[in-house]
C-alpha atoms as a PDB file:
ATOM      1  CA  MET A   1     120.056 118.041 122.306  1.00  0.00           C
ATOM      2  CA  PRO A   2     120.520 121.196 124.478  1.00  0.00           C
ATOM      3  CA  THR A   3     116.805 121.608 125.247  1.00  0.00           C
ATOM      4  CA  ARG A   4     116.660 118.203 126.917  1.00  0.00           C
ATOM      5  CA  ILE A   5     119.576 119.092 129.230  1.00  0.00           C
ATOM      6  CA  LEU A   6     117.967 122.365 130.347  1.00  0.00           C
ATOM      7  CA  THR A   7     114.631 120.691 130.900  1.00  0.00           C
ATOM      8  CA  ARG A   8     116.228 117.910 132.898  1.00  0.00           C
ATOM      9  CA  ALA A   9     117.532 120.488 135.365  1.00  0.00           C
ATOM     10  CA  ALA A  10     114.025 121.906 135.721  1.00  0.00           C
ATOM     11  CA  LEU A  11     112.544 118.459 136.273  1.00  0.00           C
ATOM     12  CA  VAL A  12     115.156 117.668 138.909  1.00  0.00           C
ATOM     13  CA  GLY A  13     113.787 120.689 140.782  1.00  0.00           C
ATOM     14  CA  ALA A  14     110.278 119.247 140.510  1.00  0.00           C
ATOM     15  CA  GLY A  15     111.608 115.950 141.867  1.00  0.00           C
ATOM     16  CA  ALA A  16     113.133 117.808 144.803  1.00  0.00           C
ATOM     17  CA  LEU A  17     109.653 119.089 145.660  1.00  0.00           C
ATOM     18  CA  ALA A  18     108.537 115.481 145.956  1.00  0.00           C
ATOM     19  CA  LEU A  19     110.980 114.987 148.813  1.00  0.00           C
ATOM     20  CA  LEU A  20     108.903 117.464 150.821  1.00  0.00           C
ATOM     21  CA  GLY A  21     105.866 115.221 150.514  1.00  0.00           C
ATOM     22  CA  PRO A  22     102.813 115.241 148.245  1.00  0.00           C
ATOM     23  CA  ILE A  23     100.983 118.035 150.074  1.00  0.00           C
ATOM     24  CA  ALA A  24     103.976 120.382 150.130  1.00  0.00           C
ATOM     25  CA  ALA A  25     104.844 119.561 146.520  1.00  0.00           C
ATOM     26  CA  THR A  26     101.389 120.240 145.153  1.00  0.00           C
ATOM     27  CA  SER A  27     101.024 123.390 147.230  1.00  0.00           C
ATOM     28  CA  ALA A  28     104.361 124.726 146.012  1.00  0.00           C
ATOM     29  CA  VAL A  29     103.540 123.989 142.386  1.00  0.00           C
ATOM     30  CA  ALA A  30     100.021 125.404 142.659  1.00  0.00           C
ATOM     31  CA  ALA A  31     101.461 128.628 144.051  1.00  0.00           C
ATOM     32  CA  SER A  32     103.756 128.974 141.034  1.00  0.00           C
ATOM     33  CA  ASP A  33     101.240 127.742 138.432  1.00  0.00           C
ATOM     34  CA  THR A  34     100.992 130.078 135.444  1.00  0.00           C
ATOM     35  CA  GLY A  35      97.649 128.801 134.182  1.00  0.00           C
ATOM     36  CA  GLN A  36      99.178 126.197 131.863  1.00  0.00           C
ATOM     37  CA  GLY A  37      98.484 123.280 134.193  1.00  0.00           C
ATOM     38  CA  SER A  38     100.505 122.321 137.196  1.00  0.00           C
ATOM     39  CA  ALA A  39     103.618 120.203 136.728  1.00  0.00           C
ATOM     40  CA  VAL A  40     102.644 117.926 139.578  1.00  0.00           C
ATOM     41  CA  ALA A  41      99.040 116.757 139.863  1.00  0.00           C
ATOM     42  CA  LEU A  42      97.503 116.210 143.256  1.00  0.00           C
ATOM     43  CA  GLY A  43      99.232 113.178 144.723  1.00  0.00           C
ATOM     44  CA  ALA A  44     101.697 112.723 141.822  1.00  0.00           C
ATOM     45  CA  PRO A  45     105.272 112.985 143.081  1.00  0.00           C
ATOM     46  CA  TYR A  46     106.916 113.929 139.763  1.00  0.00           C
ATOM     47  CA  GLY A  47     106.322 116.309 136.900  1.00  0.00           C
ATOM     48  CA  VAL A  48     106.846 115.579 133.200  1.00  0.00           C
ATOM     49  CA  GLU A  49     106.435 117.626 130.034  1.00  0.00           C
ATOM     50  CA  PRO A  50     106.211 116.410 126.434  1.00  0.00           C
ATOM     51  CA  TYR A  51     108.223 118.247 123.792  1.00  0.00           C
ATOM     52  CA  GLU A  52     105.575 117.347 121.210  1.00  0.00           C
ATOM     53  CA  THR A  53     101.957 116.243 121.448  1.00  0.00           C
ATOM     54  CA  VAL A  54     101.831 112.668 122.695  1.00  0.00           C
ATOM     55  CA  ASN A  55      99.083 110.042 122.870  1.00  0.00           C
ATOM     56  CA  VAL A  56      98.094 108.735 126.293  1.00  0.00           C
ATOM     57  CA  ARG A  57      97.399 104.992 126.337  1.00  0.00           C
ATOM     58  CA  SER A  58      95.645 102.713 128.821  1.00  0.00           C
ATOM     59  CA  GLY A  59      98.814 100.586 129.026  1.00  0.00           C
ATOM     60  CA  PRO A  60     102.522 100.807 128.139  1.00  0.00           C
ATOM     61  CA  ALA A  61     102.257 100.054 124.401  1.00  0.00           C
ATOM     62  CA  THR A  62     100.646 101.424 121.236  1.00  0.00           C
ATOM     63  CA  TRP A  63      98.227  98.491 121.007  1.00  0.00           C
ATOM     64  CA  TYR A  64      96.493  99.688 124.194  1.00  0.00           C
ATOM     65  CA  ASP A  65      93.527 102.023 123.759  1.00  0.00           C
ATOM     66  CA  LYS A  66      94.227 105.701 123.270  1.00  0.00           C
ATOM     67  CA  VAL A  67      92.588 107.465 126.217  1.00  0.00           C
ATOM     68  CA  GLY A  68      93.669 111.005 125.380  1.00  0.00           C
ATOM     69  CA  SER A  69      96.656 113.148 124.510  1.00  0.00           C
ATOM     70  CA  VAL A  70      98.905 115.741 126.105  1.00  0.00           C
ATOM     71  CA  ALA A  71      99.877 118.807 124.097  1.00  0.00           C
ATOM     72  CA  ALA A  72     103.507 119.816 123.676  1.00  0.00           C
ATOM     73  CA  GLY A  73     104.700 121.884 126.615  1.00  0.00           C
ATOM     74  CA  GLN A  74     101.732 120.903 128.824  1.00  0.00           C
ATOM     75  CA  PRO A  75     103.054 119.693 132.210  1.00  0.00           C
ATOM     76  CA  ARG A  76     101.530 116.606 133.803  1.00  0.00           C
ATOM     77  CA  GLY A  77     101.930 114.803 137.102  1.00  0.00           C
ATOM     78  CA  ALA A  78     103.655 111.420 136.898  1.00  0.00           C
ATOM     79  CA  PHE A  79     103.789 108.504 139.310  1.00  0.00           C
ATOM     80  CA  CYS A  80     106.333 106.008 138.008  1.00  0.00           C
ATOM     81  CA  TRP A  81     107.775 104.362 134.893  1.00  0.00           C
ATOM     82  CA  LYS A  82     107.782 100.819 133.508  1.00  0.00           C
ATOM     83  CA  HIS A  83     109.190  98.922 130.555  1.00  0.00           C
ATOM     84  CA  GLY A  84     106.785  98.331 127.675  1.00  0.00           C
ATOM     85  CA  GLU A  85     106.764  98.465 123.889  1.00  0.00           C
ATOM     86  CA  THR A  86     109.941  99.855 122.323  1.00  0.00           C
ATOM     87  CA  ILE A  87     109.252 103.144 120.522  1.00  0.00           C
ATOM     88  CA  ARG A  88     111.512 104.504 117.768  1.00  0.00           C
ATOM     89  CA  ASP A  89     110.905 108.145 116.846  1.00  0.00           C
ATOM     90  CA  ASN A  90     112.790 111.424 116.423  1.00  0.00           C
ATOM     91  CA  GLY A  91     116.113 109.570 116.525  1.00  0.00           C
ATOM     92  CA  TYR A  92     115.367 108.041 119.948  1.00  0.00           C
ATOM     93  CA  VAL A  93     114.725 104.415 120.868  1.00  0.00           C
ATOM     94  CA  ASN A  94     113.258 103.589 124.261  1.00  0.00           C
ATOM     95  CA  ASP A  95     110.949 101.055 125.935  1.00  0.00           C
ATOM     96  CA  VAL A  96     110.179 103.205 128.998  1.00  0.00           C
ATOM     97  CA  TRP A  97     106.595 104.362 129.556  1.00  0.00           C
ATOM     98  CA  VAL A  98     105.638 106.876 132.232  1.00  0.00           C
ATOM     99  CA  GLN A  99     102.401 106.479 134.174  1.00  0.00           C
ATOM    100  CA  LEU A 100     100.274 109.623 134.454  1.00  0.00           C
ATOM    101  CA  ALA A 101      96.888 109.845 136.161  1.00  0.00           C
ATOM    102  CA  GLU A 102      95.293 109.519 132.695  1.00  0.00           C
ATOM    103  CA  GLY A 103      97.368 106.565 131.491  1.00  0.00           C
ATOM    104  CA  TYR A 104     100.800 105.900 129.975  1.00  0.00           C
ATOM    105  CA  VAL A 105     103.013 107.932 127.638  1.00  0.00           C
ATOM    106  CA  SER A 106     106.252 106.893 125.977  1.00  0.00           C
ATOM    107  CA  ALA A 107     109.311 108.569 127.504  1.00  0.00           C
ATOM    108  CA  VAL A 108     110.555 109.118 123.943  1.00  0.00           C
ATOM    109  CA  TYR A 109     108.260 112.157 123.794  1.00  0.00           C
ATOM    110  CA  LEU A 110     109.080 113.586 127.231  1.00  0.00           C
ATOM    111  CA  LYS A 111     111.714 116.156 128.088  1.00  0.00           C
ATOM    112  CA  GLY A 112     114.477 114.786 130.285  1.00  0.00           C
ATOM    113  CA  ASP A 113     116.451 111.571 130.271  1.00  0.00           C
ATOM    114  CA  GLN A 114     115.530 108.001 129.261  1.00  0.00           C
ATOM    115  CA  TYR A 115     113.021 107.902 132.165  1.00  0.00           C
ATOM    116  CA  GLY A 116     111.272 111.114 131.110  1.00  0.00           C
ATOM    117  CA  GLY A 117     112.962 112.960 133.966  1.00  0.00           C
ATOM    118  CA  LEU A 118     111.802 110.546 136.672  1.00  0.00           C
ATOM    119  CA  PRO A 119     114.440 108.951 138.906  1.00  0.00           C
ATOM    120  CA  ALA A 120     115.588 105.464 137.924  1.00  0.00           C
ATOM    121  CA  SER A 121     114.253 104.277 141.298  1.00  0.00           C
ATOM    122  CA  ALA A 122     110.670 105.337 140.393  1.00  0.00           C
ATOM    123  CA  GLU A 123     109.927 102.054 138.596  1.00  0.00           C
ATOM    124  CA  CYS A 124     106.284 100.895 138.922  1.00  0.00           C
END
């Protein structure tokens, strides 16, 4: 899927900001924010973006409470990923869930690779 490859390159750039430290990363993103929400929330070292609206859960599975949702194209700050319930949708199968400040989202719905664009080393 060509869109996922292009987005992965953009998310790698967001990950590079994290190497500068949380303060530098959030300052850099805030300076470039276009009013659609910053890609990296205060203190979150990574940025993710869903390609379709996704439910946010209190834990890494659909049986956890829904605590909100993130609209397609709305960037969010992310902290880490963990294995949870396997999700099958849109031709993808994955058990990786990414932790946001609000809760967990399945990486199946995030732009990027199987970790939603987070590095493999960012496991919770």
